[in-house]
Each structure stands twice: as structure tokens, then as C-alpha cells.
Amino acid sequence: MNYQFPNRSVVIKLGGSIIHPEDINTPYIKEFKEFIEKNVEEKKKFVIVAGGGQLARKFQLASKEIKSELTQEEADWIGIHATRLNAQLLRTVLANITDPIVIHRRFKIKFRQYPVTISSGWTPGNSTDHIAAILAKDFKTKVFIVAGKPEYMYDKDPSKYKTAKPYKKLTWDEYIEMTPSEWTPGIHVPIDPVAARFAKKHKLTAIIIGGKDLKNLSNLIEGKDFSGTIID
């Protein structure tokens, strides 16, 4: 399976589980840096949206342990600030080719002057999947990649069921039918329900792919055969 991107701009939501699984994944970030730099040399442009990962969950759990009751909005804000720290890390290591401003609200950057732009989370009520979808619309890429822990969309949890079936293609209606309809912080779905409804409304394409395998990600961006799930 392959996918031909409509232009040379690529939006990638890089999962926090890839950036910060238990600790900062320094070897991976170094490889990711080299991967982006190589593609920039080939005249591609990137918008990279950083997820929160375990960094967010650690602070959310600590807050809940101390406070006992944590509102959804409070949990969301902790997650947002975790994405901002991860985003700043990516911006720092890619400083020579990246806009010095990390996007933290919509329309913060209207015209990209650098080949790479980094975004964090913005507001409560959704994940950075939704941010990636919004930026795909705003920057007219029409497609966003969700490079996280899951390598595909499955019919059931592959960590619990060895018989879990991966999907190569889905419609948004099919995806929405298979996943929860409401957002909760830390929800375990490849693309959050707010992002899914937004993408359906604006006729965007999403591609779910395992973020760890940069060779597979490279194949996707180059229009070669790759492993993952296309949703449109």
C-alpha cells in the first residue's frame, strides 16, 4: 500500500509515547532529527505536533494522588504543558531549520518562513491529534500523519488480543463507529474523537503509522509501500 501526498508539506503528530515513553527517548530523537534534516534537504516542509506521553501521565497521576479529585480540564492543562515541553525539545534540536516560535494557539503562525514548524497542544477538550488535523486544514496539506505507538487501527486491542485484526483502509464513518464518541484525557485510541469528527467534516485524510519505525515513515512520505492505516 502507498499514498501520494498532494504537495511537499507534511503534518506529523509525533506521539508522546515515542518522544517520552518512560524517559526522554534521546537515541530516537537524534534519529528523528536526522530524518527531518534529510527530507528538508530534499525540499520537503514539515509541521510537527508533539504529544505528551508518559510525561503528561506522570504529572496527571501525581496531581490526582495529592489532590484526590482532578477535573478533566485540570488533567487536560497538565497534558498541554507536557506537550509544550516536548515541543520545545524538538524545536531546540531542530533549531537551524525550525521556526523559533512553537505554535500554542491557532493562527499563531500564518505563513511559514522555515521548512519546519513545531506545535504543542493548545486548549482543553481534545488531544494533539485534533491540533494536527486543524493544521492540516489551515496549511492546506489535506492529510496528517499520526505517528504514535499503534502501527495500525485494529478491530480490538492488540496488547490484549493476539487475534486483533489490523485495517489498511477505513472511512471516517467506520472509524467513528468503532471508537468512543467523547473525549477524556488519556483516551486510548489512535485518533481522538474530536479530531476524527473535524477530519470528516473537512474531508481530510489521516494515516496511522508506528512512530518508532522511521524507515516505514520514510517510505510513506516518499510514496513507497508502507505499513499503516489510511482513513478518509
Protein backbone atom coordinates (compact mmCIF):
# COMPACT_ATOMS: atom_id res chain seq x y z
CA MET A 1 0.00 0.00 0.00
CA ASN A 2 1.23 3.51 -0.78
CA TYR A 3 -0.02 7.09 -0.60
CA GLN A 4 0.80 10.06 -2.81
CA PHE A 5 0.87 13.33 -0.88
CA PRO A 6 -0.88 16.24 -2.64
CA ASN A 7 2.09 18.59 -2.03
CA ARG A 8 5.53 18.70 -0.42
CA SER A 9 4.25 19.72 3.01
CA VAL A 10 3.72 17.04 5.65
CA VAL A 11 1.92 17.30 9.01
CA ILE A 12 3.10 14.74 11.57
CA LYS A 13 1.60 14.24 15.01
CA LEU A 14 4.56 12.61 16.82
CA GLY A 15 3.20 10.68 19.78
CA GLY A 16 4.39 11.47 23.26
CA SER A 17 4.82 7.71 23.75
CA ILE A 18 7.58 7.93 21.14
CA ILE A 19 9.25 11.11 22.43
CA HIS A 20 8.95 10.25 26.11
CA PRO A 21 7.94 6.61 26.76
CA GLU A 22 9.36 6.31 30.30
CA ASP A 23 12.25 8.71 29.95
CA ILE A 24 13.22 11.01 27.10
CA ASN A 25 14.00 8.81 24.10
CA THR A 26 17.24 10.56 23.21
CA PRO A 27 18.50 7.99 20.64
CA TYR A 28 15.20 8.15 18.76
CA ILE A 29 15.04 11.96 18.81
CA LYS A 30 18.55 12.06 17.35
CA GLU A 31 17.47 9.73 14.53
CA PHE A 32 14.27 11.73 14.01
CA LYS A 33 16.31 14.93 13.76
CA GLU A 34 18.49 13.37 11.04
CA PHE A 35 15.39 12.07 9.27
CA ILE A 36 13.78 15.53 9.17
CA GLU A 37 17.02 17.24 8.10
CA LYS A 38 17.46 14.77 5.23
CA ASN A 39 13.92 15.39 3.99
CA VAL A 40 14.32 19.17 4.30
CA GLU A 41 17.39 18.92 2.07
CA GLU A 42 15.05 17.28 -0.47
CA LYS A 43 12.81 20.39 -0.29
CA LYS A 44 10.06 18.95 1.89
CA LYS A 45 8.36 21.00 4.61
CA PHE A 46 7.06 19.73 7.94
CA VAL A 47 4.63 20.71 10.64
CA ILE A 48 5.35 18.54 13.68
CA VAL A 49 2.86 18.34 16.54
CA ALA A 50 4.30 16.94 19.78
CA GLY A 51 2.26 14.68 22.04
CA GLY A 52 2.55 14.49 25.83
CA GLY A 53 3.18 10.80 26.53
CA GLN A 54 4.27 9.50 29.90
CA LEU A 55 5.40 12.97 30.91
CA ALA A 56 1.77 14.07 30.91
CA ARG A 57 0.55 10.91 32.64
CA LYS A 58 3.16 11.15 35.41
CA PHE A 59 2.08 14.67 36.33
CA GLN A 60 -1.61 13.83 36.00
CA LEU A 61 -1.23 10.82 38.31
CA ALA A 62 0.84 12.80 40.80
CA SER A 63 -1.75 15.58 40.87
CA LYS A 64 -4.57 13.08 41.36
CA GLU A 65 -2.69 11.31 44.17
CA ILE A 66 -2.17 14.57 46.06
CA LYS A 67 -5.48 16.24 45.27
CA SER A 68 -7.59 13.05 45.04
CA GLU A 69 -10.02 14.70 42.61
CA LEU A 70 -8.73 16.03 39.31
CA THR A 71 -11.14 17.67 36.90
CA GLN A 72 -10.99 16.85 33.22
CA GLU A 73 -9.93 20.41 32.42
CA GLU A 74 -7.13 20.29 35.00
CA ALA A 75 -5.89 16.99 33.56
CA ASP A 76 -6.04 18.48 30.06
CA TRP A 77 -3.97 21.52 31.06
CA ILE A 78 -1.29 19.27 32.57
CA GLY A 79 -1.24 17.33 29.31
CA ILE A 80 -1.00 20.53 27.28
CA HIS A 81 2.01 21.75 29.24
CA ALA A 82 3.67 18.34 28.79
CA THR A 83 3.25 18.71 25.02
CA ARG A 84 4.77 22.18 25.23
CA LEU A 85 7.89 20.82 26.89
CA ASN A 86 8.19 18.02 24.31
CA ALA A 87 7.59 20.53 21.51
CA GLN A 88 10.29 22.84 22.85
CA LEU A 89 12.71 19.91 22.92
CA LEU A 90 12.03 19.19 19.23
CA ARG A 91 12.30 22.87 18.33
CA THR A 92 15.63 23.14 20.13
CA VAL A 93 17.27 20.14 18.45
CA LEU A 94 15.99 21.30 15.04
CA ALA A 95 16.76 24.97 15.68
CA ASN A 96 18.64 25.65 12.44
CA ILE A 97 15.67 24.79 10.22
CA THR A 98 12.72 25.43 12.53
CA ASP A 99 10.57 28.46 13.24
CA PRO A 100 11.68 29.87 16.61
CA ILE A 101 8.05 30.09 17.77
CA VAL A 102 6.24 26.95 18.91
CA ILE A 103 2.58 27.15 17.86
CA HIS A 104 0.43 27.21 21.03
CA ARG A 105 -2.77 28.63 19.55
CA ARG A 106 -4.49 28.69 16.19
CA PHE A 107 -3.20 31.18 13.61
CA LYS A 108 -0.11 31.90 15.74
CA ILE A 109 1.83 31.37 12.51
CA LYS A 110 0.01 32.15 9.26
CA PHE A 111 2.89 31.88 6.82
CA ARG A 112 5.79 29.53 7.36
CA GLN A 113 9.18 31.07 6.72
CA TYR A 114 11.09 27.96 7.81
CA PRO A 115 10.92 24.41 6.45
CA VAL A 116 9.89 23.05 9.87
CA THR A 117 7.26 24.33 12.29
CA ILE A 118 6.60 22.79 15.71
CA SER A 119 3.31 22.83 17.58
CA SER A 120 2.24 21.82 21.07
CA GLY A 121 -1.23 21.28 22.46
CA TRP A 122 -3.50 24.33 22.65
CA THR A 123 -6.67 24.13 24.70
CA PRO A 124 -8.54 21.58 26.85
CA GLY A 125 -11.10 19.22 25.34
CA ASN A 126 -9.01 17.36 22.77
CA SER A 127 -5.59 15.86 22.09
CA THR A 128 -2.80 16.89 19.75
CA ASP A 129 -4.47 14.67 17.12
CA HIS A 130 -7.01 17.47 16.76
CA ILE A 131 -4.23 20.07 16.51
CA ALA A 132 -2.64 18.07 13.67
CA ALA A 133 -5.99 17.93 11.86
CA ILE A 134 -6.53 21.69 12.25
CA LEU A 135 -3.03 22.46 10.95
CA ALA A 136 -3.53 20.10 8.01
CA LYS A 137 -6.58 22.16 7.10
CA ASP A 138 -5.02 25.57 7.80
CA PHE A 139 -1.81 24.84 5.89
CA LYS A 140 -3.76 23.08 3.10
CA THR A 141 -1.88 19.79 3.27
CA LYS A 142 -5.21 17.87 3.38
CA VAL A 143 -3.55 14.97 5.20
CA PHE A 144 -1.96 14.38 8.60
CA ILE A 145 0.15 11.50 9.88
CA VAL A 146 -0.39 10.12 13.37
CA ALA A 147 2.97 8.55 14.24
CA GLY A 148 2.46 7.02 17.65
CA LYS A 149 2.57 3.68 19.40
CA PRO A 150 -0.10 1.82 17.34
CA GLU A 151 1.15 0.68 13.94
CA TYR A 152 -2.41 0.36 12.60
CA MET A 153 -6.00 0.83 13.60
CA TYR A 154 -7.09 -2.58 14.92
CA ASP A 155 -10.51 -4.12 15.44
CA LYS A 156 -9.56 -4.71 19.11
CA ASP A 157 -6.70 -4.01 21.49
CA PRO A 158 -3.62 -5.84 20.10
CA SER A 159 -1.91 -5.75 23.50
CA LYS A 160 -4.73 -7.91 24.90
CA TYR A 161 -5.79 -9.98 21.89
CA LYS A 162 -3.34 -11.82 19.66
CA THR A 163 -6.09 -12.19 17.06
CA ALA A 164 -6.51 -8.40 16.69
CA LYS A 165 -7.03 -7.55 13.03
CA PRO A 166 -5.25 -4.51 11.50
CA TYR A 167 -7.09 -2.36 9.00
CA LYS A 168 -5.31 -0.92 5.96
CA LYS A 169 -8.14 1.43 4.94
CA LEU A 170 -11.19 2.85 6.71
CA THR A 171 -13.71 5.59 6.10
CA TRP A 172 -14.24 8.21 8.79
CA ASP A 173 -17.73 6.83 9.37
CA GLU A 174 -16.26 3.38 10.02
CA TYR A 175 -13.58 4.75 12.33
CA ILE A 176 -16.01 6.90 14.32
CA GLU A 177 -18.37 3.93 14.72
CA MET A 178 -15.53 1.84 16.18
CA THR A 179 -14.22 4.36 18.74
CA PRO A 180 -15.60 6.28 21.77
CA SER A 181 -17.67 9.35 20.93
CA GLU A 182 -16.48 11.53 23.82
CA TRP A 183 -13.06 12.93 24.68
CA THR A 184 -11.42 12.03 28.00
CA PRO A 185 -7.79 12.81 28.93
CA GLY A 186 -5.53 9.86 28.16
CA ILE A 187 -8.10 8.12 25.94
CA HIS A 188 -6.52 5.10 24.23
CA VAL A 189 -7.44 5.49 20.57
CA PRO A 190 -5.12 6.25 17.64
CA ILE A 191 -7.08 9.43 16.79
CA ASP A 192 -9.24 11.21 19.34
CA PRO A 193 -12.99 11.61 18.63
CA VAL A 194 -12.81 15.41 18.32
CA ALA A 195 -10.08 15.11 15.68
CA ALA A 196 -11.99 12.37 13.86
CA ARG A 197 -15.16 14.46 13.56
CA PHE A 198 -13.14 17.51 12.44
CA ALA A 199 -11.29 15.48 9.80
CA LYS A 200 -14.53 14.00 8.49
CA LYS A 201 -16.18 17.44 8.30
CA HIS A 202 -13.27 18.98 6.39
CA LYS A 203 -12.59 15.93 4.19
CA LEU A 204 -9.08 15.34 5.50
CA THR A 205 -7.09 12.12 5.27
CA ALA A 206 -5.32 10.65 8.30
CA ILE A 207 -2.62 8.00 8.23
CA ILE A 208 -1.93 5.94 11.35
CA ILE A 209 1.61 4.59 11.44
CA GLY A 210 4.04 3.33 14.07
CA GLY A 211 6.25 6.25 15.04
CA LYS A 212 9.26 4.15 16.03
CA ASP A 213 9.92 2.80 12.53
CA LEU A 214 11.46 5.75 10.68
CA LYS A 215 12.17 3.59 7.62
CA ASN A 216 8.44 2.89 7.30
CA LEU A 217 7.68 6.59 7.83
CA SER A 218 10.21 7.45 5.14
CA ASN A 219 8.56 5.01 2.74
CA LEU A 220 5.20 6.65 3.38
CA ILE A 221 6.49 10.17 2.72
CA GLU A 222 8.31 9.02 -0.43
CA GLY A 223 5.18 7.38 -1.86
CA LYS A 224 6.55 3.85 -1.45
CA ASP A 225 4.89 0.80 0.11
CA PHE A 226 4.34 1.27 3.85
CA SER A 227 2.53 -0.38 6.74
CA GLY A 228 -0.29 1.58 8.35
CA THR A 229 -3.96 2.57 8.16
CA ILE A 230 -5.38 5.23 5.83
CA ILE A 231 -8.61 6.90 6.97
CA ASP A 232 -10.54 9.21 4.66
